[in-house]
Amino acid sequence: MKIALISDIHSNLPALKAVLNVIDVDQILCAGDIVGYYPFPNEVIELVKEHDLRSIYGNHDKAVITGDTSWFNPIAASAIEWTRDNISLEGIKFLEELPAQLMFEDVAIVHGSPHDPDEYVYPTTSPTRLEKFLDQVSKKVLVLGHTHVQWSLELGDRKIINPGAVGQPRDGNPKAAYVILDTKSKEFTMHRIGYDVEETASKTLEVGLPQHLARRLFFGL
């Protein structure tokens, strides 16, 4: 089966549309943070539903549900508050029903790490800890998000993949990120696709979200 792996959409509708327009797969899996930061929460959720996209919740999704922004910086917190004020009741219900983790064939999907959805995991994380993550999920492929950085690492016959962020890349490349994985062979390819950044940035400013959120989109930071 050929699947697409994505993460961190963050209410960026033009970016999500760009990814969905170019992928041709059997299933799309998302490692969380469907909402937060950007101005299209309801439209993104509807598109996620339309494409039968399977997702877990991320830390921003959870904060939109609970209203607890105590662990967020002021800019992220203000975007969460804006989202809470503008998301539909149906959108909240959708987020509430998302699981913390997802197992799909021999693939495990988490947001931060199997231990903590708020944990930041990078290729520089100790190999011992990465091995423990793989042992915990008991799958050949562990997919995680949260860092907004696209990377992968092979540990023996097992793999850890971060598909990067659809809606707010932070690896110096402003293009939306995704991964295509063959669940049988475990072979995968990493991809980037450009989208109308100006559309998202303009709407971000129009609705009164912080300017920093709009500016960073142009630089992938």
N, C-alpha and C. Protein backbone atom coordinates (compact mmCIF):
# COMPACT_ATOMS: atom_id res chain seq x y z
N MET A 1 0.83 -1.19 0.00
CA MET A 1 0.00 0.00 0.00
C MET A 1 0.88 1.25 0.00
N LYS A 2 0.49 2.22 -0.78
CA LYS A 2 1.21 3.49 -0.82
C LYS A 2 0.45 4.52 0.01
N ILE A 3 1.15 5.12 0.98
CA ILE A 3 0.51 6.09 1.85
C ILE A 3 1.31 7.39 1.86
N ALA A 4 0.62 8.47 2.19
CA ALA A 4 1.27 9.77 2.38
C ALA A 4 1.35 10.06 3.87
N LEU A 5 2.47 10.57 4.30
CA LEU A 5 2.67 10.98 5.69
C LEU A 5 2.82 12.49 5.73
N ILE A 6 2.01 13.14 6.56
CA ILE A 6 2.09 14.58 6.71
C ILE A 6 2.00 14.93 8.19
N SER A 7 2.26 16.19 8.51
CA SER A 7 2.15 16.65 9.89
C SER A 7 2.04 18.16 9.92
N ASP A 8 1.60 18.68 11.04
CA ASP A 8 1.63 20.11 11.34
C ASP A 8 1.06 20.96 10.20
N ILE A 9 -0.21 20.74 9.92
CA ILE A 9 -0.92 21.53 8.90
C ILE A 9 -1.15 22.95 9.41
N HIS A 10 -1.51 23.07 10.65
CA HIS A 10 -1.67 24.36 11.33
C HIS A 10 -2.59 25.34 10.60
N SER A 11 -3.73 24.85 10.19
CA SER A 11 -4.77 25.73 9.62
C SER A 11 -4.29 26.50 8.39
N ASN A 12 -3.31 25.95 7.68
CA ASN A 12 -2.80 26.58 6.47
C ASN A 12 -3.45 25.90 5.27
N LEU A 13 -4.59 26.43 4.85
CA LEU A 13 -5.38 25.80 3.80
C LEU A 13 -4.66 25.75 2.45
N PRO A 14 -4.07 26.85 1.97
CA PRO A 14 -3.38 26.77 0.67
C PRO A 14 -2.27 25.72 0.65
N ALA A 15 -1.55 25.57 1.75
CA ALA A 15 -0.49 24.57 1.81
C ALA A 15 -1.05 23.16 1.75
N LEU A 16 -2.12 22.90 2.50
CA LEU A 16 -2.73 21.57 2.49
C LEU A 16 -3.30 21.25 1.11
N LYS A 17 -3.95 22.22 0.48
CA LYS A 17 -4.48 21.99 -0.86
C LYS A 17 -3.37 21.62 -1.84
N ALA A 18 -2.25 22.31 -1.74
CA ALA A 18 -1.13 22.04 -2.65
C ALA A 18 -0.64 20.60 -2.51
N VAL A 19 -0.54 20.13 -1.28
CA VAL A 19 -0.10 18.75 -1.04
C VAL A 19 -1.13 17.76 -1.57
N LEU A 20 -2.38 17.98 -1.23
CA LEU A 20 -3.43 17.05 -1.65
C LEU A 20 -3.58 16.99 -3.17
N ASN A 21 -3.26 18.08 -3.84
CA ASN A 21 -3.39 18.14 -5.30
C ASN A 21 -2.35 17.30 -6.03
N VAL A 22 -1.24 16.98 -5.36
CA VAL A 22 -0.17 16.27 -6.07
C VAL A 22 0.03 14.83 -5.61
N ILE A 23 -0.58 14.45 -4.51
CA ILE A 23 -0.38 13.08 -4.03
C ILE A 23 -1.47 12.15 -4.57
N ASP A 24 -1.07 10.93 -4.89
CA ASP A 24 -1.99 9.90 -5.36
C ASP A 24 -1.66 8.63 -4.58
N VAL A 25 -2.36 8.45 -3.47
CA VAL A 25 -2.03 7.37 -2.54
C VAL A 25 -3.31 6.68 -2.07
N ASP A 26 -3.12 5.57 -1.36
CA ASP A 26 -4.26 4.82 -0.83
C ASP A 26 -4.78 5.39 0.49
N GLN A 27 -3.89 6.02 1.25
CA GLN A 27 -4.27 6.56 2.56
C GLN A 27 -3.33 7.70 2.93
N ILE A 28 -3.88 8.69 3.64
CA ILE A 28 -3.08 9.80 4.16
C ILE A 28 -3.12 9.74 5.68
N LEU A 29 -1.94 9.78 6.30
CA LEU A 29 -1.84 9.77 7.76
C LEU A 29 -1.16 11.06 8.21
N CYS A 30 -1.69 11.66 9.28
CA CYS A 30 -1.17 12.93 9.79
C CYS A 30 -0.73 12.79 11.24
N ALA A 31 0.46 13.34 11.54
CA ALA A 31 1.02 13.25 12.89
C ALA A 31 0.63 14.42 13.78
N GLY A 32 -0.52 15.01 13.52
CA GLY A 32 -1.08 15.98 14.45
C GLY A 32 -0.84 17.44 14.13
N ASP A 33 -1.45 18.29 14.97
CA ASP A 33 -1.47 19.74 14.80
C ASP A 33 -2.13 20.14 13.48
N ILE A 34 -3.40 19.79 13.40
CA ILE A 34 -4.22 20.18 12.27
C ILE A 34 -4.49 21.68 12.32
N VAL A 35 -4.67 22.21 13.52
CA VAL A 35 -5.00 23.63 13.67
C VAL A 35 -3.90 24.37 14.45
N GLY A 36 -4.15 25.67 14.67
CA GLY A 36 -3.18 26.52 15.35
C GLY A 36 -2.43 27.38 14.34
N TYR A 37 -1.98 28.53 14.78
CA TYR A 37 -1.16 29.47 14.02
C TYR A 37 -1.89 30.23 12.92
N TYR A 38 -2.57 29.53 12.00
CA TYR A 38 -3.04 30.20 10.79
C TYR A 38 -4.57 30.26 10.69
N PRO A 39 -5.11 30.99 9.68
CA PRO A 39 -6.50 31.47 9.76
C PRO A 39 -7.58 30.61 9.13
N PHE A 40 -7.30 29.35 8.82
CA PHE A 40 -8.31 28.53 8.14
C PHE A 40 -8.65 27.24 8.90
N PRO A 41 -8.95 27.30 10.19
CA PRO A 41 -9.19 26.05 10.93
C PRO A 41 -10.38 25.26 10.42
N ASN A 42 -11.48 25.94 10.16
CA ASN A 42 -12.69 25.22 9.75
C ASN A 42 -12.54 24.64 8.35
N GLU A 43 -11.94 25.41 7.45
CA GLU A 43 -11.75 24.95 6.08
C GLU A 43 -10.79 23.76 6.03
N VAL A 44 -9.75 23.81 6.83
CA VAL A 44 -8.79 22.70 6.87
C VAL A 44 -9.44 21.44 7.42
N ILE A 45 -10.20 21.57 8.48
CA ILE A 45 -10.87 20.39 9.05
C ILE A 45 -11.83 19.78 8.04
N GLU A 46 -12.57 20.61 7.32
CA GLU A 46 -13.49 20.08 6.31
C GLU A 46 -12.73 19.35 5.21
N LEU A 47 -11.58 19.87 4.81
CA LEU A 47 -10.79 19.22 3.77
C LEU A 47 -10.20 17.90 4.28
N VAL A 48 -9.80 17.89 5.52
CA VAL A 48 -9.30 16.65 6.14
C VAL A 48 -10.40 15.58 6.12
N LYS A 49 -11.61 15.98 6.48
CA LYS A 49 -12.72 15.03 6.46
C LYS A 49 -13.01 14.55 5.04
N GLU A 50 -13.00 15.47 4.11
CA GLU A 50 -13.33 15.16 2.71
C GLU A 50 -12.39 14.12 2.13
N HIS A 51 -11.13 14.17 2.53
CA HIS A 51 -10.13 13.25 2.00
C HIS A 51 -9.93 12.03 2.90
N ASP A 52 -10.79 11.86 3.89
CA ASP A 52 -10.71 10.71 4.79
C ASP A 52 -9.31 10.56 5.37
N LEU A 53 -8.72 11.70 5.72
CA LEU A 53 -7.37 11.74 6.27
C LEU A 53 -7.40 11.29 7.72
N ARG A 54 -6.56 10.33 8.07
CA ARG A 54 -6.51 9.83 9.44
C ARG A 54 -5.42 10.57 10.21
N SER A 55 -5.79 11.11 11.36
CA SER A 55 -4.85 11.93 12.11
C SER A 55 -4.93 11.66 13.60
N ILE A 56 -3.85 11.98 14.28
CA ILE A 56 -3.83 12.05 15.73
C ILE A 56 -3.93 13.53 16.13
N TYR A 57 -4.02 13.81 17.42
CA TYR A 57 -3.98 15.21 17.83
C TYR A 57 -2.56 15.61 18.19
N GLY A 58 -2.26 16.90 17.99
CA GLY A 58 -1.00 17.47 18.42
C GLY A 58 -1.21 18.41 19.58
N ASN A 59 -0.14 19.02 20.05
CA ASN A 59 -0.25 19.89 21.23
C ASN A 59 -1.10 21.13 20.97
N HIS A 60 -1.09 21.64 19.74
CA HIS A 60 -1.94 22.80 19.43
C HIS A 60 -3.41 22.38 19.36
N ASP A 61 -3.68 21.23 18.78
CA ASP A 61 -5.06 20.72 18.74
C ASP A 61 -5.61 20.58 20.16
N LYS A 62 -4.80 20.00 21.03
CA LYS A 62 -5.23 19.79 22.41
C LYS A 62 -5.47 21.12 23.12
N ALA A 63 -4.60 22.10 22.88
CA ALA A 63 -4.76 23.40 23.52
C ALA A 63 -6.02 24.11 23.05
N VAL A 64 -6.36 23.94 21.78
CA VAL A 64 -7.60 24.53 21.27
C VAL A 64 -8.81 23.91 21.97
N ILE A 65 -8.73 22.64 22.28
CA ILE A 65 -9.83 21.96 22.99
C ILE A 65 -9.92 22.42 24.44
N THR A 66 -8.78 22.45 25.12
CA THR A 66 -8.77 22.70 26.57
C THR A 66 -8.67 24.17 26.95
N GLY A 67 -8.07 24.97 26.08
CA GLY A 67 -7.83 26.37 26.41
C GLY A 67 -6.58 26.59 27.24
N ASP A 68 -5.84 25.54 27.54
CA ASP A 68 -4.63 25.65 28.35
C ASP A 68 -3.45 26.02 27.45
N THR A 69 -3.00 27.26 27.56
CA THR A 69 -1.87 27.74 26.76
C THR A 69 -0.65 28.03 27.64
N SER A 70 -0.62 27.48 28.83
CA SER A 70 0.44 27.81 29.78
C SER A 70 1.83 27.40 29.31
N TRP A 71 1.92 26.43 28.40
CA TRP A 71 3.22 25.97 27.92
C TRP A 71 3.61 26.58 26.59
N PHE A 72 2.82 27.55 26.11
CA PHE A 72 3.07 28.13 24.80
C PHE A 72 3.66 29.53 24.91
N ASN A 73 4.46 29.91 23.92
CA ASN A 73 4.95 31.28 23.88
C ASN A 73 3.80 32.22 23.54
N PRO A 74 3.94 33.51 23.78
CA PRO A 74 2.81 34.44 23.60
C PRO A 74 2.22 34.44 22.20
N ILE A 75 3.05 34.31 21.17
CA ILE A 75 2.54 34.32 19.80
C ILE A 75 1.70 33.08 19.53
N ALA A 76 2.22 31.92 19.90
CA ALA A 76 1.46 30.68 19.71
C ALA A 76 0.18 30.69 20.52
N ALA A 77 0.26 31.21 21.75
CA ALA A 77 -0.91 31.26 22.62
C ALA A 77 -1.99 32.17 22.04
N SER A 78 -1.59 33.30 21.47
CA SER A 78 -2.58 34.21 20.89
C SER A 78 -3.26 33.57 19.69
N ALA A 79 -2.52 32.79 18.92
CA ALA A 79 -3.12 32.09 17.78
C ALA A 79 -4.08 31.01 18.24
N ILE A 80 -3.76 30.35 19.34
CA ILE A 80 -4.68 29.35 19.89
C ILE A 80 -5.96 30.01 20.36
N GLU A 81 -5.84 31.14 21.03
CA GLU A 81 -7.03 31.86 21.48
C GLU A 81 -7.87 32.31 20.29
N TRP A 82 -7.22 32.79 19.25
CA TRP A 82 -7.96 33.19 18.04
C TRP A 82 -8.70 31.98 17.46
N THR A 83 -8.02 30.85 17.40
CA THR A 83 -8.65 29.64 16.86
C THR A 83 -9.85 29.22 17.70
N ARG A 84 -9.72 29.29 19.01
CA ARG A 84 -10.83 28.94 19.89
C ARG A 84 -12.03 29.85 19.66
N ASP A 85 -11.76 31.10 19.32
CA ASP A 85 -12.84 32.06 19.09
C ASP A 85 -13.50 31.88 17.73
N ASN A 86 -12.81 31.21 16.80
CA ASN A 86 -13.30 31.16 15.42
C ASN A 86 -13.62 29.76 14.91
N ILE A 87 -13.21 28.74 15.61
CA ILE A 87 -13.49 27.38 15.16
C ILE A 87 -14.94 27.03 15.45
N SER A 88 -15.52 26.21 14.59
CA SER A 88 -16.91 25.79 14.77
C SER A 88 -17.03 24.73 15.86
N LEU A 89 -18.23 24.55 16.37
CA LEU A 89 -18.46 23.49 17.35
C LEU A 89 -18.18 22.12 16.74
N GLU A 90 -18.50 21.98 15.45
CA GLU A 90 -18.20 20.72 14.77
C GLU A 90 -16.70 20.49 14.69
N GLY A 91 -15.96 21.58 14.50
CA GLY A 91 -14.50 21.47 14.46
C GLY A 91 -13.92 21.04 15.80
N ILE A 92 -14.44 21.61 16.87
CA ILE A 92 -14.00 21.21 18.21
C ILE A 92 -14.30 19.74 18.45
N LYS A 93 -15.49 19.31 18.08
CA LYS A 93 -15.86 17.90 18.27
C LYS A 93 -14.92 16.99 17.48
N PHE A 94 -14.58 17.40 16.27
CA PHE A 94 -13.66 16.61 15.45
C PHE A 94 -12.31 16.46 16.14
N LEU A 95 -11.79 17.56 16.67
CA LEU A 95 -10.50 17.51 17.36
C LEU A 95 -10.56 16.65 18.61
N GLU A 96 -11.68 16.73 19.33
CA GLU A 96 -11.84 15.95 20.56
C GLU A 96 -11.81 14.45 20.30
N GLU A 97 -12.18 14.04 19.11
CA GLU A 97 -12.26 12.61 18.79
C GLU A 97 -10.95 12.05 18.24
N LEU A 98 -9.95 12.90 18.05
CA LEU A 98 -8.67 12.42 17.53
C LEU A 98 -7.92 11.64 18.61
N PRO A 99 -7.26 10.54 18.24
CA PRO A 99 -6.48 9.77 19.21
C PRO A 99 -5.11 10.41 19.45
N ALA A 100 -4.45 9.96 20.51
CA ALA A 100 -3.10 10.44 20.82
C ALA A 100 -2.05 9.77 19.94
N GLN A 101 -2.31 8.52 19.55
CA GLN A 101 -1.40 7.77 18.70
C GLN A 101 -2.22 6.95 17.71
N LEU A 102 -1.58 6.54 16.64
CA LEU A 102 -2.27 5.77 15.60
C LEU A 102 -1.34 4.67 15.10
N MET A 103 -1.86 3.46 15.02
CA MET A 103 -1.12 2.34 14.46
C MET A 103 -1.79 1.94 13.14
N PHE A 104 -1.00 1.90 12.08
CA PHE A 104 -1.51 1.58 10.75
C PHE A 104 -0.55 0.59 10.10
N GLU A 105 -1.00 -0.67 9.97
CA GLU A 105 -0.12 -1.74 9.49
C GLU A 105 1.16 -1.75 10.35
N ASP A 106 2.32 -1.58 9.73
CA ASP A 106 3.57 -1.63 10.50
C ASP A 106 4.12 -0.22 10.75
N VAL A 107 3.21 0.75 10.82
CA VAL A 107 3.57 2.15 11.01
C VAL A 107 2.91 2.69 12.27
N ALA A 108 3.70 3.35 13.11
CA ALA A 108 3.18 4.02 14.31
C ALA A 108 3.27 5.52 14.10
N ILE A 109 2.18 6.23 14.44
CA ILE A 109 2.14 7.68 14.29
C ILE A 109 2.00 8.31 15.68
N VAL A 110 2.95 9.18 16.02
CA VAL A 110 2.87 9.95 17.27
C VAL A 110 3.15 11.41 16.92
N HIS A 111 2.91 12.31 17.88
CA HIS A 111 3.18 13.72 17.57
C HIS A 111 4.60 14.11 17.94
N GLY A 112 4.92 14.11 19.22
CA GLY A 112 6.28 14.44 19.65
C GLY A 112 7.13 13.20 19.77
N SER A 113 6.78 12.34 20.74
CA SER A 113 7.41 11.04 20.91
C SER A 113 6.37 10.08 21.49
N PRO A 114 6.67 8.78 21.53
CA PRO A 114 5.72 7.86 22.14
C PRO A 114 5.49 8.14 23.62
N HIS A 115 6.42 8.83 24.26
CA HIS A 115 6.30 9.14 25.68
C HIS A 115 5.53 10.43 25.93
N ASP A 116 5.68 11.40 25.04
CA ASP A 116 5.19 12.75 25.32
C ASP A 116 4.92 13.48 24.01
N PRO A 117 3.67 13.89 23.76
CA PRO A 117 3.36 14.61 22.52
C PRO A 117 4.04 15.96 22.42
N ASP A 118 4.56 16.47 23.54
CA ASP A 118 5.25 17.76 23.53
C ASP A 118 6.77 17.63 23.38
N GLU A 119 7.28 16.41 23.30
CA GLU A 119 8.73 16.21 23.23
C GLU A 119 9.24 16.49 21.81
N TYR A 120 10.37 17.19 21.74
CA TYR A 120 11.01 17.47 20.46
C TYR A 120 12.06 16.40 20.18
N VAL A 121 11.92 15.70 19.08
CA VAL A 121 12.83 14.63 18.70
C VAL A 121 13.50 14.98 17.38
N TYR A 122 14.82 14.90 17.37
CA TYR A 122 15.62 15.23 16.19
C TYR A 122 16.57 14.07 15.87
N PRO A 123 17.21 14.10 14.71
CA PRO A 123 18.21 13.05 14.42
C PRO A 123 19.35 13.04 15.42
N THR A 124 19.56 14.17 16.10
CA THR A 124 20.63 14.26 17.10
C THR A 124 20.23 13.71 18.47
N THR A 125 18.95 13.34 18.62
CA THR A 125 18.52 12.68 19.85
C THR A 125 19.33 11.39 20.01
N SER A 126 19.66 11.04 21.23
CA SER A 126 20.55 9.89 21.46
C SER A 126 20.00 8.62 20.82
N PRO A 127 20.86 7.84 20.16
CA PRO A 127 20.42 6.59 19.53
C PRO A 127 19.73 5.65 20.51
N THR A 128 20.19 5.63 21.74
CA THR A 128 19.57 4.77 22.75
C THR A 128 18.12 5.16 22.96
N ARG A 129 17.86 6.47 23.03
CA ARG A 129 16.49 6.93 23.23
C ARG A 129 15.62 6.64 22.00
N LEU A 130 16.19 6.83 20.83
CA LEU A 130 15.45 6.54 19.61
C LEU A 130 15.10 5.06 19.52
N GLU A 131 16.03 4.20 19.92
CA GLU A 131 15.76 2.76 19.94
C GLU A 131 14.63 2.43 20.91
N LYS A 132 14.61 3.11 22.05
CA LYS A 132 13.54 2.89 23.02
C LYS A 132 12.18 3.28 22.45
N PHE A 133 12.16 4.37 21.69
CA PHE A 133 10.90 4.79 21.05
C PHE A 133 10.40 3.69 20.12
N LEU A 134 11.29 3.14 19.32
CA LEU A 134 10.90 2.08 18.39
C LEU A 134 10.47 0.82 19.13
N ASP A 135 11.16 0.50 20.20
CA ASP A 135 10.78 -0.66 21.00
C ASP A 135 9.39 -0.47 21.60
N GLN A 136 9.10 0.75 22.01
CA GLN A 136 7.82 1.01 22.66
C GLN A 136 6.65 0.82 21.72
N VAL A 137 6.79 1.25 20.47
CA VAL A 137 5.67 1.15 19.53
C VAL A 137 5.61 -0.20 18.82
N SER A 138 6.73 -0.94 18.84
CA SER A 138 6.79 -2.28 18.24
C SER A 138 6.37 -2.28 16.77
N LYS A 139 6.82 -1.27 16.04
CA LYS A 139 6.57 -1.17 14.61
C LYS A 139 7.88 -0.92 13.89
N LYS A 140 7.89 -1.23 12.59
CA LYS A 140 9.10 -1.02 11.80
C LYS A 140 9.31 0.44 11.44
N VAL A 141 8.23 1.20 11.42
CA VAL A 141 8.32 2.61 11.05
C VAL A 141 7.64 3.45 12.12
N LEU A 142 8.37 4.41 12.66
CA LEU A 142 7.82 5.37 13.61
C LEU A 142 7.77 6.73 12.93
N VAL A 143 6.58 7.31 12.87
CA VAL A 143 6.38 8.63 12.26
C VAL A 143 6.05 9.62 13.35
N LEU A 144 6.75 10.74 13.34
CA LEU A 144 6.48 11.78 14.33
C LEU A 144 6.55 13.16 13.68
N GLY A 145 5.99 14.15 14.36
CA GLY A 145 5.98 15.52 13.85
C GLY A 145 6.55 16.48 14.87
N HIS A 146 5.81 17.58 15.10
CA HIS A 146 6.07 18.53 16.18
C HIS A 146 7.23 19.49 15.94
N THR A 147 8.34 19.01 15.38
CA THR A 147 9.50 19.88 15.20
C THR A 147 9.41 20.75 13.96
N HIS A 148 8.54 20.39 13.01
CA HIS A 148 8.39 21.10 11.74
C HIS A 148 9.65 20.98 10.89
N VAL A 149 10.46 19.97 11.14
CA VAL A 149 11.70 19.73 10.40
C VAL A 149 11.62 18.35 9.75
N GLN A 150 11.83 18.30 8.44
CA GLN A 150 11.76 17.03 7.71
C GLN A 150 13.09 16.27 7.86
N TRP A 151 12.99 15.04 8.38
CA TRP A 151 14.19 14.22 8.51
C TRP A 151 13.82 12.75 8.63
N SER A 152 14.82 11.90 8.46
CA SER A 152 14.60 10.46 8.63
C SER A 152 15.89 9.83 9.14
N LEU A 153 15.73 8.67 9.75
CA LEU A 153 16.87 7.95 10.30
C LEU A 153 16.56 6.46 10.26
N GLU A 154 17.52 5.66 9.85
CA GLU A 154 17.35 4.21 9.84
C GLU A 154 18.19 3.60 10.95
N LEU A 155 17.55 2.76 11.74
CA LEU A 155 18.21 2.05 12.83
C LEU A 155 18.01 0.56 12.59
N GLY A 156 19.00 -0.07 11.95
CA GLY A 156 18.83 -1.45 11.55
C GLY A 156 17.78 -1.55 10.47
N ASP A 157 16.78 -2.40 10.69
CA ASP A 157 15.71 -2.54 9.71
C ASP A 157 14.50 -1.68 10.08
N ARG A 158 14.69 -0.77 11.02
CA ARG A 158 13.60 0.10 11.45
C ARG A 158 13.89 1.55 11.07
N LYS A 159 12.82 2.33 10.94
CA LYS A 159 12.96 3.70 10.47
C LYS A 159 12.19 4.66 11.36
N ILE A 160 12.75 5.86 11.52
CA ILE A 160 12.02 6.97 12.12
C ILE A 160 11.92 8.06 11.06
N ILE A 161 10.71 8.54 10.84
CA ILE A 161 10.47 9.54 9.79
C ILE A 161 9.70 10.72 10.36
N ASN A 162 10.21 11.91 10.13
CA ASN A 162 9.43 13.12 10.37
C ASN A 162 9.15 13.71 9.00
N PRO A 163 7.89 13.71 8.56
CA PRO A 163 7.59 14.20 7.21
C PRO A 163 7.75 15.70 7.05
N GLY A 164 8.01 16.41 8.16
CA GLY A 164 8.09 17.87 8.10
C GLY A 164 6.71 18.48 8.22
N ALA A 165 6.65 19.78 8.11
CA ALA A 165 5.39 20.50 8.30
C ALA A 165 4.75 20.87 6.97
N VAL A 166 3.46 20.64 6.87
CA VAL A 166 2.70 21.17 5.74
C VAL A 166 2.55 22.68 5.88
N GLY A 167 2.16 23.13 7.07
CA GLY A 167 1.70 24.51 7.22
C GLY A 167 2.68 25.52 7.72
N GLN A 168 3.80 25.08 8.33
CA GLN A 168 4.79 26.04 8.85
C GLN A 168 6.16 25.38 8.94
N PRO A 169 6.82 25.14 7.80
CA PRO A 169 8.15 24.53 7.83
C PRO A 169 9.15 25.38 8.60
N ARG A 170 10.08 24.69 9.27
CA ARG A 170 11.10 25.39 10.05
C ARG A 170 12.51 24.88 9.73
N ASP A 171 12.70 24.38 8.53
CA ASP A 171 14.01 23.86 8.15
C ASP A 171 14.66 24.69 7.05
N GLY A 172 14.24 25.93 6.91
CA GLY A 172 14.82 26.82 5.92
C GLY A 172 14.25 26.68 4.54
N ASN A 173 13.26 25.82 4.37
CA ASN A 173 12.59 25.62 3.08
C ASN A 173 11.11 25.94 3.27
N PRO A 174 10.61 26.99 2.64
CA PRO A 174 9.22 27.39 2.87
C PRO A 174 8.17 26.50 2.21
N LYS A 175 8.59 25.56 1.39
CA LYS A 175 7.62 24.70 0.70
C LYS A 175 7.02 23.68 1.66
N ALA A 176 5.75 23.35 1.43
CA ALA A 176 5.06 22.35 2.25
C ALA A 176 5.74 20.99 2.09
N ALA A 177 5.82 20.26 3.20
CA ALA A 177 6.56 18.99 3.22
C ALA A 177 5.63 17.79 3.38
N TYR A 178 6.03 16.68 2.77
CA TYR A 178 5.31 15.42 2.96
C TYR A 178 6.21 14.26 2.55
N VAL A 179 5.78 13.05 2.89
CA VAL A 179 6.53 11.84 2.57
C VAL A 179 5.59 10.82 1.96
N ILE A 180 6.08 10.07 0.99
CA ILE A 180 5.34 8.94 0.42
C ILE A 180 6.03 7.65 0.85
N LEU A 181 5.26 6.75 1.44
CA LEU A 181 5.81 5.49 1.98
C LEU A 181 5.08 4.29 1.40
N ASP A 182 5.85 3.30 0.99
CA ASP A 182 5.30 2.00 0.60
C ASP A 182 5.30 1.12 1.85
N THR A 183 4.13 0.76 2.33
CA THR A 183 4.05 0.04 3.60
C THR A 183 4.58 -1.40 3.50
N LYS A 184 4.66 -1.94 2.29
CA LYS A 184 5.17 -3.30 2.13
C LYS A 184 6.70 -3.31 2.11
N SER A 185 7.30 -2.50 1.26
CA SER A 185 8.75 -2.49 1.12
C SER A 185 9.43 -1.59 2.15
N LYS A 186 8.66 -0.70 2.74
CA LYS A 186 9.16 0.31 3.69
C LYS A 186 10.05 1.37 3.01
N GLU A 187 10.05 1.39 1.69
CA GLU A 187 10.77 2.43 0.98
C GLU A 187 9.96 3.72 0.99
N PHE A 188 10.65 4.85 1.09
CA PHE A 188 9.94 6.12 1.15
C PHE A 188 10.71 7.21 0.44
N THR A 189 10.00 8.25 0.06
CA THR A 189 10.61 9.42 -0.58
C THR A 189 10.09 10.68 0.09
N MET A 190 10.98 11.65 0.24
CA MET A 190 10.62 12.93 0.85
C MET A 190 10.34 13.95 -0.24
N HIS A 191 9.34 14.78 -0.01
CA HIS A 191 8.91 15.72 -1.04
C HIS A 191 8.65 17.11 -0.46
N ARG A 192 8.75 18.12 -1.34
CA ARG A 192 8.34 19.48 -1.01
C ARG A 192 7.52 20.01 -2.19
N ILE A 193 6.54 20.85 -1.87
CA ILE A 193 5.69 21.44 -2.90
C ILE A 193 5.42 22.90 -2.54
N GLY A 194 5.59 23.77 -3.52
CA GLY A 194 5.30 25.18 -3.30
C GLY A 194 3.81 25.44 -3.24
N TYR A 195 3.43 26.51 -2.59
CA TYR A 195 2.02 26.90 -2.52
C TYR A 195 1.95 28.42 -2.44
N ASP A 196 0.74 28.96 -2.44
CA ASP A 196 0.56 30.41 -2.41
C ASP A 196 0.75 30.93 -0.99
N VAL A 197 2.00 31.17 -0.64
CA VAL A 197 2.32 31.68 0.70
C VAL A 197 1.65 33.02 0.94
N GLU A 198 1.61 33.85 -0.09
CA GLU A 198 1.03 35.18 0.05
C GLU A 198 -0.44 35.11 0.48
N GLU A 199 -1.17 34.14 -0.03
CA GLU A 199 -2.58 34.00 0.34
C GLU A 199 -2.72 33.74 1.84
N THR A 200 -1.93 32.82 2.35
CA THR A 200 -1.98 32.53 3.79
C THR A 200 -1.50 33.71 4.61
N ALA A 201 -0.40 34.33 4.19
CA ALA A 201 0.16 35.46 4.94
C ALA A 201 -0.81 36.63 4.97
N SER A 202 -1.42 36.94 3.84
CA SER A 202 -2.35 38.07 3.77
C SER A 202 -3.56 37.85 4.67
N LYS A 203 -4.10 36.64 4.63
CA LYS A 203 -5.26 36.34 5.46
C LYS A 203 -4.88 36.35 6.93
N THR A 204 -3.67 35.90 7.24
CA THR A 204 -3.19 35.91 8.63
C THR A 204 -3.21 37.33 9.18
N LEU A 205 -2.72 38.28 8.40
CA LEU A 205 -2.71 39.68 8.84
C LEU A 205 -4.12 40.26 8.86
N GLU A 206 -4.92 39.89 7.88
CA GLU A 206 -6.28 40.42 7.77
C GLU A 206 -7.12 40.10 9.00
N VAL A 207 -6.96 38.91 9.54
CA VAL A 207 -7.78 38.50 10.70
C VAL A 207 -7.18 38.93 12.02
N GLY A 208 -6.00 39.54 11.98
CA GLY A 208 -5.40 40.07 13.21
C GLY A 208 -4.46 39.15 13.94
N LEU A 209 -4.03 38.08 13.30
CA LEU A 209 -3.03 37.20 13.91
C LEU A 209 -1.66 37.88 13.86
N PRO A 210 -0.72 37.47 14.72
CA PRO A 210 0.58 38.15 14.80
C PRO A 210 1.33 38.20 13.46
N GLN A 211 1.96 39.35 13.19
CA GLN A 211 2.71 39.54 11.96
C GLN A 211 3.83 38.51 11.80
N HIS A 212 4.43 38.14 12.90
CA HIS A 212 5.54 37.17 12.85
C HIS A 212 5.12 35.87 12.19
N LEU A 213 3.89 35.45 12.42
CA LEU A 213 3.40 34.21 11.83
C LEU A 213 3.33 34.31 10.31
N ALA A 214 2.96 35.48 9.81
CA ALA A 214 2.91 35.68 8.36
C ALA A 214 4.31 35.75 7.77
N ARG A 215 5.20 36.49 8.40
CA ARG A 215 6.54 36.70 7.84
C ARG A 215 7.34 35.40 7.74
N ARG A 216 7.24 34.57 8.76
CA ARG A 216 8.10 33.38 8.79
C ARG A 216 7.78 32.40 7.67
N LEU A 217 6.57 32.45 7.14
CA LEU A 217 6.18 31.53 6.08
C LEU A 217 7.03 31.69 4.83
N PHE A 218 7.49 32.90 4.56
CA PHE A 218 8.25 33.16 3.35
C PHE A 218 9.67 32.59 3.41
N PHE A 219 10.13 32.28 4.61
CA PHE A 219 11.51 31.85 4.80
C PHE A 219 11.65 30.42 5.33
N GLY A 220 10.54 29.82 5.70
CA GLY A 220 10.60 28.46 6.25
C GLY A 220 11.33 28.41 7.57
N LEU A 221 11.03 29.40 8.43
CA LEU A 221 11.71 29.50 9.72
C LEU A 221 10.72 29.48 10.87
